[in-house]
């Protein structure tokens, strides 16, 4: 199924709600919600697979894209986000299951908390190739300072992830490390390759436990530092 050039504005609830769907393409669509309060989600995917977002804008919602298991505990399969713009959401992308999420040349920024959040309840794989992660914790100093690890471009509590050729930009003084792995996380592996990290007031990476991973060929600009603890 293909859905093209659809615009939904000023909504409360869900821009798109999909349960156990597959082979769906969204192209040139826009979903603009009414704010972060309540369960406002741009695209809520429950047990769905092979869902594609191309040149899609999702803004002003609590979660831009959220993957969750179905009521029968079926995880989402592959989710593709390309050339898309997730801006001004509380969290841009939330992964709570074992989905494979592939983000290519997209902008995820000005998030109230994290740009991308991988929860501790699945064995997902998140691959971000190119594009930009920008200003986690935007305008939310109290929220960031009150949370362990602060606000992050990518916060991973499970699964695995790859960041390749991504521009990662901080700029919010209260934000935490741009990539954060809590000590309680069950991340299986990670790679951060060829990324540019700009204006991070705190550490680029904070790894509080032993996880197989590689950090290769990254550039820190404007005070950003890199550490593996």
N, C-alpha and C. Protein backbone atom coordinates (compact mmCIF):
# COMPACT_ATOMS: atom_id res chain seq x y z
N UNK A 1 0.85 -1.19 0.00
CA UNK A 1 0.00 0.00 0.00
C UNK A 1 0.88 1.24 0.00
N UNK A 2 0.52 2.22 -0.80
CA UNK A 2 1.27 3.47 -0.88
C UNK A 2 0.37 4.64 -0.45
N UNK A 3 0.92 5.47 0.42
CA UNK A 3 0.21 6.66 0.88
C UNK A 3 1.09 7.86 0.54
N UNK A 4 0.59 8.74 -0.30
CA UNK A 4 1.40 9.83 -0.81
C UNK A 4 0.74 11.19 -0.59
N UNK A 5 1.59 12.18 -0.27
CA UNK A 5 1.18 13.58 -0.20
C UNK A 5 -0.01 13.83 0.73
N UNK A 6 -0.02 13.13 1.87
CA UNK A 6 -1.06 13.34 2.87
C UNK A 6 -0.55 14.30 3.94
N UNK A 7 -1.37 15.25 4.33
CA UNK A 7 -1.02 16.19 5.38
C UNK A 7 -2.08 16.14 6.48
N UNK A 8 -1.61 15.89 7.71
CA UNK A 8 -2.50 15.88 8.86
C UNK A 8 -1.95 16.87 9.88
N UNK A 9 -2.74 17.86 10.24
CA UNK A 9 -2.27 18.92 11.12
C UNK A 9 -3.13 19.03 12.37
N UNK A 10 -2.48 19.51 13.43
CA UNK A 10 -3.18 19.84 14.69
C UNK A 10 -3.98 18.66 15.24
N UNK A 11 -3.36 17.49 15.24
CA UNK A 11 -4.08 16.31 15.74
C UNK A 11 -3.65 15.98 17.17
N UNK A 12 -4.57 15.35 17.89
CA UNK A 12 -4.29 14.74 19.18
C UNK A 12 -4.46 13.23 19.02
N UNK A 13 -3.53 12.47 19.56
CA UNK A 13 -3.59 11.02 19.42
C UNK A 13 -2.55 10.55 18.43
N UNK A 14 -2.97 9.93 17.32
CA UNK A 14 -2.04 9.33 16.38
C UNK A 14 -2.22 9.92 14.98
N UNK A 15 -1.10 10.29 14.35
CA UNK A 15 -1.15 10.62 12.94
C UNK A 15 -1.39 9.37 12.12
N UNK A 16 -0.62 8.31 12.44
CA UNK A 16 -0.75 7.00 11.80
C UNK A 16 -0.72 5.95 12.90
N UNK A 17 -1.68 5.03 12.88
CA UNK A 17 -1.71 3.91 13.83
C UNK A 17 -1.77 2.63 13.01
N UNK A 18 -0.72 1.78 13.13
CA UNK A 18 -0.66 0.57 12.32
C UNK A 18 -0.44 -0.63 13.22
N UNK A 19 -1.31 -1.63 13.11
CA UNK A 19 -1.16 -2.87 13.88
C UNK A 19 -1.10 -4.05 12.91
N UNK A 20 0.00 -4.81 12.97
CA UNK A 20 0.19 -6.01 12.16
C UNK A 20 0.04 -5.72 10.67
N UNK A 21 0.61 -4.61 10.23
CA UNK A 21 0.58 -4.26 8.81
C UNK A 21 1.96 -4.52 8.19
N UNK A 22 2.02 -4.63 6.89
CA UNK A 22 3.29 -4.81 6.20
C UNK A 22 3.22 -4.21 4.80
N UNK A 23 4.42 -3.93 4.27
CA UNK A 23 4.55 -3.39 2.92
C UNK A 23 3.74 -2.11 2.75
N UNK A 24 4.09 -1.10 3.55
CA UNK A 24 3.41 0.19 3.48
C UNK A 24 4.45 1.27 3.24
N UNK A 25 4.20 2.14 2.27
CA UNK A 25 5.09 3.24 1.92
C UNK A 25 4.39 4.58 2.17
N UNK A 26 5.01 5.44 2.95
CA UNK A 26 4.56 6.82 3.12
C UNK A 26 5.56 7.72 2.40
N UNK A 27 5.06 8.53 1.46
CA UNK A 27 5.93 9.40 0.68
C UNK A 27 5.35 10.81 0.63
N UNK A 28 6.21 11.81 0.90
CA UNK A 28 5.83 13.22 0.81
C UNK A 28 4.64 13.55 1.72
N UNK A 29 4.66 12.99 2.93
CA UNK A 29 3.58 13.22 3.89
C UNK A 29 4.04 14.12 5.03
N UNK A 30 3.07 14.73 5.71
CA UNK A 30 3.36 15.62 6.83
C UNK A 30 2.36 15.35 7.96
N UNK A 31 2.91 15.17 9.18
CA UNK A 31 2.08 14.93 10.36
C UNK A 31 2.52 15.92 11.45
N UNK A 32 1.67 16.86 11.74
CA UNK A 32 1.99 17.93 12.69
C UNK A 32 0.97 17.92 13.82
N UNK A 33 1.43 17.52 15.02
CA UNK A 33 0.52 17.35 16.14
C UNK A 33 0.30 18.61 16.94
N UNK A 34 -0.41 18.45 18.06
CA UNK A 34 -0.76 19.58 18.92
C UNK A 34 0.11 19.68 20.16
N UNK A 35 1.18 18.87 20.24
CA UNK A 35 2.07 19.02 21.37
C UNK A 35 2.49 17.71 22.01
N UNK A 36 3.27 17.84 23.09
CA UNK A 36 3.88 16.68 23.73
C UNK A 36 2.98 16.01 24.76
N UNK A 37 1.89 16.63 25.14
CA UNK A 37 1.04 16.07 26.18
C UNK A 37 0.28 14.84 25.67
N UNK A 38 0.06 13.91 26.57
CA UNK A 38 -0.74 12.74 26.21
C UNK A 38 0.00 11.81 25.25
N UNK A 39 -0.72 10.86 24.65
CA UNK A 39 -0.10 9.84 23.79
C UNK A 39 0.03 10.29 22.34
N UNK A 40 0.37 11.53 22.11
CA UNK A 40 0.47 11.99 20.73
C UNK A 40 1.68 11.36 20.03
N UNK A 41 1.44 10.63 18.96
CA UNK A 41 2.50 9.95 18.22
C UNK A 41 2.28 10.17 16.73
N UNK A 42 3.34 10.54 16.04
CA UNK A 42 3.22 10.73 14.60
C UNK A 42 2.90 9.43 13.88
N UNK A 43 3.73 8.39 14.12
CA UNK A 43 3.50 7.08 13.51
C UNK A 43 3.71 6.01 14.58
N UNK A 44 2.62 5.36 14.97
CA UNK A 44 2.63 4.33 16.01
C UNK A 44 2.55 2.98 15.31
N UNK A 45 3.63 2.18 15.42
CA UNK A 45 3.73 0.92 14.70
C UNK A 45 3.72 -0.23 15.69
N UNK A 46 2.70 -1.08 15.61
CA UNK A 46 2.54 -2.21 16.52
C UNK A 46 2.62 -3.51 15.72
N UNK A 47 3.70 -4.25 15.90
CA UNK A 47 3.85 -5.53 15.21
C UNK A 47 3.84 -5.42 13.70
N UNK A 48 4.26 -4.28 13.17
CA UNK A 48 4.23 -4.06 11.72
C UNK A 48 5.62 -4.22 11.11
N UNK A 49 5.67 -4.52 9.82
CA UNK A 49 6.94 -4.79 9.17
C UNK A 49 6.99 -4.18 7.78
N UNK A 50 8.22 -3.90 7.35
CA UNK A 50 8.45 -3.31 6.03
C UNK A 50 7.62 -2.05 5.84
N UNK A 51 7.81 -1.11 6.78
CA UNK A 51 7.14 0.19 6.72
C UNK A 51 8.19 1.22 6.31
N UNK A 52 7.88 2.00 5.29
CA UNK A 52 8.83 2.93 4.71
C UNK A 52 8.31 4.36 4.83
N UNK A 53 9.19 5.25 5.31
CA UNK A 53 8.88 6.68 5.35
C UNK A 53 9.92 7.40 4.50
N UNK A 54 9.47 8.06 3.44
CA UNK A 54 10.38 8.77 2.55
C UNK A 54 9.91 10.21 2.37
N UNK A 55 10.79 11.15 2.67
CA UNK A 55 10.46 12.57 2.59
C UNK A 55 9.19 12.87 3.40
N UNK A 56 9.22 12.44 4.65
CA UNK A 56 8.09 12.62 5.57
C UNK A 56 8.50 13.58 6.67
N UNK A 57 7.60 14.48 7.04
CA UNK A 57 7.82 15.40 8.15
C UNK A 57 6.89 15.03 9.30
N UNK A 58 7.48 14.88 10.50
CA UNK A 58 6.69 14.63 11.70
C UNK A 58 7.15 15.61 12.77
N UNK A 59 6.23 16.41 13.29
CA UNK A 59 6.62 17.46 14.23
C UNK A 59 5.58 17.66 15.32
N UNK A 60 6.09 18.18 16.44
CA UNK A 60 5.22 18.63 17.54
C UNK A 60 4.34 17.52 18.12
N UNK A 61 4.96 16.34 18.33
CA UNK A 61 4.27 15.22 18.98
C UNK A 61 5.18 14.67 20.08
N UNK A 62 4.63 13.81 20.92
CA UNK A 62 5.46 13.25 21.99
C UNK A 62 6.50 12.28 21.43
N UNK A 63 6.11 11.41 20.53
CA UNK A 63 7.03 10.51 19.82
C UNK A 63 6.81 10.66 18.33
N UNK A 64 7.88 10.86 17.59
CA UNK A 64 7.73 10.96 16.15
C UNK A 64 7.35 9.62 15.54
N UNK A 65 8.22 8.63 15.69
CA UNK A 65 7.96 7.25 15.26
C UNK A 65 8.19 6.37 16.47
N UNK A 66 7.23 5.47 16.76
CA UNK A 66 7.35 4.58 17.92
C UNK A 66 7.03 3.15 17.49
N UNK A 67 7.93 2.22 17.78
CA UNK A 67 7.68 0.81 17.50
C UNK A 67 7.38 0.08 18.81
N UNK A 68 6.34 -0.75 18.79
CA UNK A 68 5.94 -1.51 19.98
C UNK A 68 5.51 -2.91 19.54
N UNK A 69 5.57 -3.90 20.44
CA UNK A 69 5.05 -5.22 20.09
C UNK A 69 3.53 -5.17 19.92
N UNK A 70 3.02 -6.11 19.16
CA UNK A 70 1.57 -6.23 19.02
C UNK A 70 0.99 -6.79 20.32
N UNK A 71 -0.35 -6.77 20.49
CA UNK A 71 -0.96 -7.37 21.68
C UNK A 71 -0.64 -8.85 21.84
N UNK A 72 -0.25 -9.53 20.74
CA UNK A 72 0.14 -10.93 20.82
C UNK A 72 1.67 -11.09 20.87
N UNK A 73 2.35 -9.99 21.23
CA UNK A 73 3.81 -9.99 21.45
C UNK A 73 4.63 -10.19 20.18
N UNK A 74 4.05 -9.86 19.03
CA UNK A 74 4.82 -9.88 17.79
C UNK A 74 5.55 -8.55 17.64
N UNK A 75 6.86 -8.62 17.50
CA UNK A 75 7.64 -7.40 17.35
C UNK A 75 7.49 -6.83 15.95
N UNK A 76 7.75 -5.54 15.83
CA UNK A 76 7.85 -4.95 14.50
C UNK A 76 9.06 -5.54 13.77
N UNK A 77 8.98 -5.57 12.45
CA UNK A 77 10.10 -6.01 11.63
C UNK A 77 10.94 -4.82 11.20
N UNK A 78 11.14 -4.65 9.92
CA UNK A 78 11.99 -3.58 9.41
C UNK A 78 11.19 -2.29 9.21
N UNK A 79 11.79 -1.18 9.66
CA UNK A 79 11.22 0.15 9.50
C UNK A 79 12.29 1.02 8.86
N UNK A 80 11.93 1.70 7.78
CA UNK A 80 12.89 2.50 7.02
C UNK A 80 12.46 3.96 7.04
N UNK A 81 13.38 4.83 7.41
CA UNK A 81 13.13 6.28 7.42
C UNK A 81 14.21 6.93 6.59
N UNK A 82 13.84 7.55 5.48
CA UNK A 82 14.84 8.15 4.60
C UNK A 82 14.43 9.57 4.19
N UNK A 83 15.44 10.43 4.11
CA UNK A 83 15.23 11.82 3.66
C UNK A 83 14.05 12.47 4.36
N UNK A 84 13.92 12.21 5.65
CA UNK A 84 12.77 12.70 6.41
C UNK A 84 13.21 13.67 7.50
N UNK A 85 12.23 14.35 8.07
CA UNK A 85 12.48 15.46 8.99
C UNK A 85 11.59 15.27 10.22
N UNK A 86 12.20 14.91 11.36
CA UNK A 86 11.47 14.77 12.62
C UNK A 86 11.95 15.88 13.54
N UNK A 87 11.10 16.87 13.73
CA UNK A 87 11.55 18.11 14.35
C UNK A 87 10.58 18.55 15.45
N UNK A 88 11.14 18.91 16.62
CA UNK A 88 10.31 19.48 17.67
C UNK A 88 9.45 18.47 18.39
N UNK A 89 9.80 17.18 18.29
CA UNK A 89 9.09 16.14 19.03
C UNK A 89 9.77 15.94 20.38
N UNK A 90 9.05 15.44 21.37
CA UNK A 90 9.68 15.19 22.67
C UNK A 90 10.79 14.15 22.51
N UNK A 91 10.51 13.05 21.80
CA UNK A 91 11.53 12.09 21.37
C UNK A 91 11.26 11.79 19.90
N UNK A 92 12.29 11.87 19.07
CA UNK A 92 12.09 11.67 17.64
C UNK A 92 11.71 10.24 17.27
N UNK A 93 12.54 9.28 17.67
CA UNK A 93 12.30 7.87 17.37
C UNK A 93 12.41 7.07 18.66
N UNK A 94 11.40 6.25 18.96
CA UNK A 94 11.40 5.39 20.14
C UNK A 94 11.24 3.94 19.69
N UNK A 95 12.17 3.09 20.12
CA UNK A 95 12.13 1.66 19.77
C UNK A 95 11.97 0.87 21.07
N UNK A 96 10.86 0.15 21.21
CA UNK A 96 10.58 -0.58 22.45
C UNK A 96 10.51 -2.09 22.24
N UNK A 97 10.80 -2.55 21.03
CA UNK A 97 10.69 -3.99 20.74
C UNK A 97 11.96 -4.46 20.06
N UNK A 98 11.87 -5.45 19.19
CA UNK A 98 13.05 -6.00 18.51
C UNK A 98 13.06 -5.62 17.03
N UNK A 99 12.57 -4.46 16.72
CA UNK A 99 12.52 -3.99 15.33
C UNK A 99 13.93 -3.70 14.79
N UNK A 100 14.03 -3.74 13.47
CA UNK A 100 15.20 -3.22 12.78
C UNK A 100 14.83 -1.87 12.20
N UNK A 101 15.46 -0.81 12.68
CA UNK A 101 15.12 0.55 12.25
C UNK A 101 16.31 1.12 11.49
N UNK A 102 16.08 1.52 10.25
CA UNK A 102 17.14 1.98 9.37
C UNK A 102 16.84 3.42 8.96
N UNK A 103 17.69 4.34 9.41
CA UNK A 103 17.46 5.78 9.20
C UNK A 103 18.56 6.30 8.30
N UNK A 104 18.19 6.88 7.17
CA UNK A 104 19.16 7.30 6.16
C UNK A 104 18.94 8.76 5.79
N UNK A 105 20.00 9.56 5.90
CA UNK A 105 19.99 10.95 5.44
C UNK A 105 18.77 11.72 5.94
N UNK A 106 18.47 11.57 7.21
CA UNK A 106 17.32 12.24 7.80
C UNK A 106 17.76 13.17 8.92
N UNK A 107 16.89 14.11 9.24
CA UNK A 107 17.14 15.09 10.30
C UNK A 107 16.22 14.78 11.46
N UNK A 108 16.80 14.59 12.63
CA UNK A 108 16.02 14.39 13.85
C UNK A 108 16.55 15.39 14.87
N UNK A 109 15.76 16.43 15.18
CA UNK A 109 16.34 17.49 15.98
C UNK A 109 15.35 18.28 16.80
N UNK A 110 15.94 19.17 17.64
CA UNK A 110 15.18 20.02 18.56
C UNK A 110 14.20 19.19 19.38
N UNK A 111 14.68 18.04 19.85
CA UNK A 111 13.84 17.14 20.63
C UNK A 111 13.81 17.58 22.09
N UNK A 112 12.67 17.38 22.73
CA UNK A 112 12.55 17.78 24.12
C UNK A 112 13.38 16.92 25.06
N UNK A 113 13.58 15.64 24.72
CA UNK A 113 14.37 14.75 25.57
C UNK A 113 15.51 14.14 24.74
N UNK A 114 15.26 13.05 24.03
CA UNK A 114 16.28 12.40 23.20
C UNK A 114 15.88 12.49 21.73
N UNK A 115 16.88 12.47 20.85
CA UNK A 115 16.58 12.33 19.43
C UNK A 115 16.12 10.90 19.12
N UNK A 116 16.90 9.91 19.61
CA UNK A 116 16.57 8.50 19.41
C UNK A 116 16.70 7.79 20.75
N UNK A 117 15.68 7.00 21.10
CA UNK A 117 15.69 6.27 22.37
C UNK A 117 15.39 4.80 22.11
N UNK A 118 16.33 3.93 22.48
CA UNK A 118 16.15 2.49 22.38
C UNK A 118 15.93 1.98 23.79
N UNK A 119 14.74 1.52 24.10
CA UNK A 119 14.41 1.13 25.47
C UNK A 119 15.04 -0.21 25.82
N UNK A 120 14.97 -0.56 27.09
CA UNK A 120 15.62 -1.77 27.56
C UNK A 120 14.79 -3.02 27.45
N UNK A 121 13.81 -3.04 26.58
CA UNK A 121 12.88 -4.17 26.55
C UNK A 121 12.94 -5.00 25.27
N UNK A 122 13.96 -4.83 24.42
CA UNK A 122 13.99 -5.58 23.17
C UNK A 122 15.39 -5.91 22.71
N UNK A 123 15.49 -6.54 21.55
CA UNK A 123 16.78 -6.86 20.93
C UNK A 123 16.83 -6.21 19.56
N UNK A 124 16.52 -4.95 19.51
CA UNK A 124 16.42 -4.22 18.25
C UNK A 124 17.80 -3.96 17.66
N UNK A 125 17.78 -3.54 16.39
CA UNK A 125 18.98 -3.03 15.75
C UNK A 125 18.62 -1.70 15.10
N UNK A 126 19.36 -0.66 15.42
CA UNK A 126 19.12 0.67 14.86
C UNK A 126 20.36 1.08 14.08
N UNK A 127 20.17 1.45 12.83
CA UNK A 127 21.27 1.84 11.96
C UNK A 127 20.97 3.24 11.42
N UNK A 128 21.81 4.21 11.79
CA UNK A 128 21.65 5.59 11.33
C UNK A 128 22.82 5.89 10.39
N UNK A 129 22.51 6.18 9.14
CA UNK A 129 23.53 6.40 8.12
C UNK A 129 23.33 7.79 7.51
N UNK A 130 24.30 8.68 7.76
CA UNK A 130 24.19 10.04 7.26
C UNK A 130 23.15 10.83 8.03
N UNK A 131 22.88 12.03 7.56
CA UNK A 131 21.88 12.87 8.20
C UNK A 131 22.40 13.56 9.44
N UNK A 132 21.48 13.99 10.28
CA UNK A 132 21.83 14.86 11.40
C UNK A 132 20.97 14.57 12.63
N UNK A 133 21.63 14.46 13.78
CA UNK A 133 20.96 14.42 15.09
C UNK A 133 21.32 15.73 15.78
N UNK A 134 20.30 16.48 16.23
CA UNK A 134 20.53 17.89 16.55
C UNK A 134 19.77 18.29 17.81
N UNK A 135 20.47 18.94 18.73
CA UNK A 135 19.89 19.57 19.91
C UNK A 135 18.91 18.68 20.70
N UNK A 136 19.38 17.58 21.28
CA UNK A 136 18.52 16.88 22.25
C UNK A 136 18.33 17.76 23.48
N UNK A 137 17.17 17.66 24.09
CA UNK A 137 16.90 18.48 25.27
C UNK A 137 16.65 19.94 24.96
N UNK A 138 16.22 20.23 23.77
CA UNK A 138 16.02 21.61 23.34
C UNK A 138 14.99 22.31 24.24
N UNK A 139 15.39 23.39 24.85
CA UNK A 139 14.57 24.24 25.75
C UNK A 139 14.12 23.51 27.01
N UNK A 140 14.71 22.34 27.32
CA UNK A 140 14.24 21.54 28.45
C UNK A 140 15.34 21.33 29.49
N UNK A 141 15.91 22.42 30.00
CA UNK A 141 17.02 22.32 30.94
C UNK A 141 16.66 21.54 32.19
N UNK A 142 15.48 21.77 32.74
CA UNK A 142 15.08 21.08 33.97
C UNK A 142 14.90 19.59 33.72
N UNK A 143 14.29 19.24 32.60
CA UNK A 143 14.09 17.83 32.27
C UNK A 143 15.42 17.11 32.13
N UNK A 144 16.37 17.72 31.45
CA UNK A 144 17.67 17.09 31.21
C UNK A 144 18.45 16.91 32.51
N UNK A 145 18.51 17.97 33.31
CA UNK A 145 19.31 17.92 34.53
C UNK A 145 18.72 16.97 35.56
N UNK A 146 17.43 16.69 35.46
CA UNK A 146 16.78 15.81 36.43
C UNK A 146 16.81 14.35 36.05
N UNK A 147 17.43 14.00 34.92
CA UNK A 147 17.47 12.61 34.46
C UNK A 147 18.90 12.11 34.43
N UNK A 148 19.14 10.92 34.94
CA UNK A 148 20.47 10.33 34.89
C UNK A 148 20.94 10.23 33.44
N UNK A 149 22.09 10.77 33.16
CA UNK A 149 22.59 10.77 31.79
C UNK A 149 22.14 11.94 30.96
N UNK A 150 21.22 12.75 31.49
CA UNK A 150 20.76 13.92 30.77
C UNK A 150 19.99 13.58 29.51
N UNK A 151 19.96 14.51 28.58
CA UNK A 151 19.29 14.33 27.28
C UNK A 151 20.35 13.96 26.24
N UNK A 152 20.03 13.01 25.38
CA UNK A 152 21.03 12.44 24.48
C UNK A 152 20.55 12.40 23.04
N UNK A 153 21.51 12.48 22.12
CA UNK A 153 21.18 12.28 20.71
C UNK A 153 20.73 10.84 20.48
N UNK A 154 21.45 9.90 21.09
CA UNK A 154 21.03 8.50 21.06
C UNK A 154 21.26 7.89 22.44
N UNK A 155 20.20 7.37 23.02
CA UNK A 155 20.28 6.68 24.31
C UNK A 155 19.88 5.22 24.07
N UNK A 156 20.78 4.30 24.35
CA UNK A 156 20.55 2.88 24.07
C UNK A 156 20.57 2.09 25.37
N UNK A 157 19.49 1.37 25.62
CA UNK A 157 19.40 0.52 26.81
C UNK A 157 19.33 -0.96 26.45
N UNK A 158 19.30 -1.29 25.17
CA UNK A 158 19.27 -2.69 24.73
C UNK A 158 19.60 -2.74 23.25
N UNK A 159 19.65 -3.97 22.70
CA UNK A 159 19.84 -4.15 21.27
C UNK A 159 21.24 -3.77 20.80
N UNK A 160 21.32 -3.33 19.57
CA UNK A 160 22.59 -2.91 18.98
C UNK A 160 22.34 -1.69 18.10
N UNK A 161 23.41 -0.95 17.80
CA UNK A 161 23.22 0.22 16.94
C UNK A 161 24.50 0.54 16.19
N UNK A 162 24.32 1.23 15.05
CA UNK A 162 25.41 1.74 14.24
C UNK A 162 25.12 3.19 13.91
N UNK A 163 26.09 4.07 14.14
CA UNK A 163 26.04 5.44 13.66
C UNK A 163 27.17 5.60 12.65
N UNK A 164 26.84 5.94 11.43
CA UNK A 164 27.84 6.03 10.37
C UNK A 164 27.66 7.33 9.59
N UNK A 165 28.68 8.17 9.61
CA UNK A 165 28.63 9.40 8.84
C UNK A 165 27.56 10.37 9.27
N UNK A 166 27.22 10.38 10.56
CA UNK A 166 26.15 11.24 11.07
C UNK A 166 26.74 12.52 11.65
N UNK A 167 26.10 13.64 11.40
CA UNK A 167 26.44 14.89 12.07
C UNK A 167 25.63 14.96 13.36
N UNK A 168 26.33 14.98 14.50
CA UNK A 168 25.68 14.97 15.81
C UNK A 168 26.02 16.28 16.50
N UNK A 169 25.00 17.06 16.82
CA UNK A 169 25.24 18.41 17.35
C UNK A 169 24.50 18.62 18.66
N UNK A 170 25.25 19.04 19.69
CA UNK A 170 24.65 19.36 20.98
C UNK A 170 24.19 20.80 21.00
N UNK A 171 24.71 21.56 21.95
CA UNK A 171 24.37 22.97 22.01
C UNK A 171 23.45 23.34 23.14
N UNK A 172 22.93 22.34 23.87
CA UNK A 172 22.11 22.62 25.03
C UNK A 172 22.95 22.31 26.26
N UNK A 173 23.20 23.31 27.08
CA UNK A 173 24.17 23.18 28.16
C UNK A 173 23.83 22.07 29.15
N UNK A 174 22.56 21.79 29.32
CA UNK A 174 22.14 20.78 30.28
C UNK A 174 22.08 19.37 29.71
N UNK A 175 22.32 19.25 28.40
CA UNK A 175 22.24 17.93 27.78
C UNK A 175 23.37 17.04 28.27
N UNK A 176 23.14 15.73 28.24
CA UNK A 176 24.17 14.79 28.63
C UNK A 176 25.05 14.45 27.46
N UNK A 177 25.78 13.31 27.56
CA UNK A 177 26.59 12.88 26.43
C UNK A 177 25.73 12.64 25.20
N UNK A 178 26.29 12.89 24.03
CA UNK A 178 25.50 12.74 22.82
C UNK A 178 25.09 11.29 22.58
N UNK A 179 25.95 10.35 22.97
CA UNK A 179 25.58 8.93 22.93
C UNK A 179 25.75 8.39 24.33
N UNK A 180 24.70 7.77 24.86
CA UNK A 180 24.70 7.35 26.26
C UNK A 180 24.23 5.91 26.41
N UNK A 181 25.02 5.12 27.12
CA UNK A 181 24.66 3.74 27.45
C UNK A 181 24.62 3.64 28.96
N UNK A 182 23.46 3.55 29.56
CA UNK A 182 23.38 3.45 31.03
C UNK A 182 24.04 2.19 31.54
N UNK A 183 24.43 2.21 32.81
CA UNK A 183 25.09 1.04 33.39
C UNK A 183 24.18 -0.17 33.44
N UNK A 184 22.87 0.05 33.44
CA UNK A 184 21.92 -1.07 33.50
C UNK A 184 21.56 -1.61 32.12
N UNK A 185 22.13 -1.04 31.07
CA UNK A 185 21.75 -1.42 29.71
C UNK A 185 22.21 -2.83 29.36
N UNK A 186 21.55 -3.43 28.38
CA UNK A 186 21.91 -4.75 27.87
C UNK A 186 22.18 -4.65 26.37
N UNK A 187 22.95 -3.65 25.98
CA UNK A 187 23.33 -3.46 24.59
C UNK A 187 24.31 -4.56 24.20
N UNK A 188 24.08 -5.19 23.05
CA UNK A 188 24.93 -6.31 22.63
C UNK A 188 26.19 -5.84 21.91
N UNK A 189 26.07 -4.79 21.09
CA UNK A 189 27.24 -4.26 20.40
C UNK A 189 26.88 -2.93 19.75
N UNK A 190 27.94 -2.16 19.39
CA UNK A 190 27.69 -0.88 18.73
C UNK A 190 28.90 -0.50 17.89
N UNK A 191 28.66 0.38 16.91
CA UNK A 191 29.72 0.97 16.10
C UNK A 191 29.39 2.43 15.86
N UNK A 192 30.40 3.28 16.01
CA UNK A 192 30.26 4.71 15.71
C UNK A 192 31.42 5.07 14.80
N UNK A 193 31.10 5.33 13.53
CA UNK A 193 32.12 5.41 12.50
C UNK A 193 31.95 6.68 11.68
N UNK A 194 33.01 7.47 11.56
CA UNK A 194 33.02 8.61 10.65
C UNK A 194 32.00 9.67 10.95
N UNK A 195 31.68 9.88 12.22
CA UNK A 195 30.69 10.90 12.60
C UNK A 195 31.39 12.21 12.99
N UNK A 196 30.66 13.29 12.88
CA UNK A 196 31.14 14.60 13.34
C UNK A 196 30.29 15.01 14.53
N UNK A 197 30.96 15.30 15.65
CA UNK A 197 30.26 15.66 16.88
C UNK A 197 30.58 17.11 17.20
N UNK A 198 29.56 17.98 17.20
CA UNK A 198 29.76 19.40 17.37
C UNK A 198 29.10 19.92 18.64
N UNK A 199 29.81 20.79 19.34
CA UNK A 199 29.24 21.62 20.41
C UNK A 199 28.53 20.80 21.48
N UNK A 200 29.14 19.68 21.84
CA UNK A 200 28.61 18.91 22.95
C UNK A 200 29.26 19.43 24.23
N UNK A 201 28.45 19.86 25.18
CA UNK A 201 28.99 20.39 26.43
C UNK A 201 29.44 19.28 27.36
N UNK A 202 29.09 18.03 27.01
CA UNK A 202 29.49 16.90 27.83
C UNK A 202 30.09 15.82 26.94
N UNK A 203 30.30 14.66 27.48
CA UNK A 203 30.99 13.61 26.76
C UNK A 203 30.21 13.14 25.54
N UNK A 204 30.95 12.79 24.53
CA UNK A 204 30.36 12.20 23.33
C UNK A 204 29.84 10.81 23.65
N UNK A 205 30.63 9.99 24.31
CA UNK A 205 30.21 8.63 24.64
C UNK A 205 30.42 8.41 26.13
N UNK A 206 29.44 7.84 26.78
CA UNK A 206 29.61 7.43 28.17
C UNK A 206 29.21 5.97 28.26
N UNK A 207 30.19 5.12 28.34
CA UNK A 207 29.92 3.68 28.42
C UNK A 207 30.29 3.23 29.83
N UNK A 208 29.31 2.81 30.59
CA UNK A 208 29.54 2.50 31.99
C UNK A 208 29.77 1.02 32.24
N UNK A 209 29.84 0.23 31.20
CA UNK A 209 30.07 -1.19 31.40
C UNK A 209 30.68 -1.76 30.13
N UNK A 210 31.05 -3.03 30.16
CA UNK A 210 31.79 -3.63 29.07
C UNK A 210 30.86 -4.11 27.97
N UNK A 211 30.90 -3.44 26.81
CA UNK A 211 30.10 -3.82 25.65
C UNK A 211 31.03 -3.87 24.44
N UNK A 212 30.97 -4.93 23.61
CA UNK A 212 31.77 -4.95 22.39
C UNK A 212 31.34 -3.79 21.48
N UNK A 213 32.31 -2.99 21.08
CA UNK A 213 31.96 -1.86 20.22
C UNK A 213 33.19 -1.29 19.56
N UNK A 214 32.95 -0.44 18.55
CA UNK A 214 34.06 0.22 17.86
C UNK A 214 33.72 1.68 17.66
N UNK A 215 34.74 2.52 17.85
CA UNK A 215 34.62 3.96 17.65
C UNK A 215 35.79 4.36 16.78
N UNK A 216 35.50 4.68 15.49
CA UNK A 216 36.56 4.84 14.51
C UNK A 216 36.33 6.09 13.67
N UNK A 217 37.37 6.91 13.53
CA UNK A 217 37.36 8.00 12.55
C UNK A 217 36.35 9.09 12.80
N UNK A 218 36.07 9.39 14.06
CA UNK A 218 35.12 10.46 14.37
C UNK A 218 35.86 11.76 14.65
N UNK A 219 35.19 12.88 14.42
CA UNK A 219 35.76 14.20 14.63
C UNK A 219 34.91 14.97 15.63
N UNK A 220 35.57 15.49 16.69
CA UNK A 220 34.87 16.31 17.69
C UNK A 220 35.25 17.77 17.49
N UNK A 221 34.25 18.64 17.43
CA UNK A 221 34.46 20.06 17.16
C UNK A 221 33.77 20.90 18.22
N UNK A 222 34.41 21.96 18.64
CA UNK A 222 33.73 22.93 19.53
C UNK A 222 33.58 22.46 20.94
N UNK A 223 34.61 21.79 21.47
CA UNK A 223 34.60 21.44 22.88
C UNK A 223 34.09 20.06 23.18
N UNK A 224 33.64 19.31 22.19
CA UNK A 224 33.17 17.95 22.44
C UNK A 224 34.33 17.07 22.82
N UNK A 225 34.12 16.16 23.76
CA UNK A 225 35.15 15.21 24.16
C UNK A 225 34.60 13.81 24.03
N UNK A 226 35.50 12.84 23.94
CA UNK A 226 35.10 11.46 23.75
C UNK A 226 35.69 10.62 24.87
N UNK A 227 34.89 9.76 25.45
CA UNK A 227 35.40 8.90 26.51
C UNK A 227 34.70 7.56 26.50
N UNK A 228 35.43 6.54 26.84
CA UNK A 228 34.88 5.22 27.08
C UNK A 228 35.19 4.88 28.53
N UNK A 229 34.16 4.80 29.37
CA UNK A 229 34.38 4.51 30.79
C UNK A 229 34.32 3.01 31.05
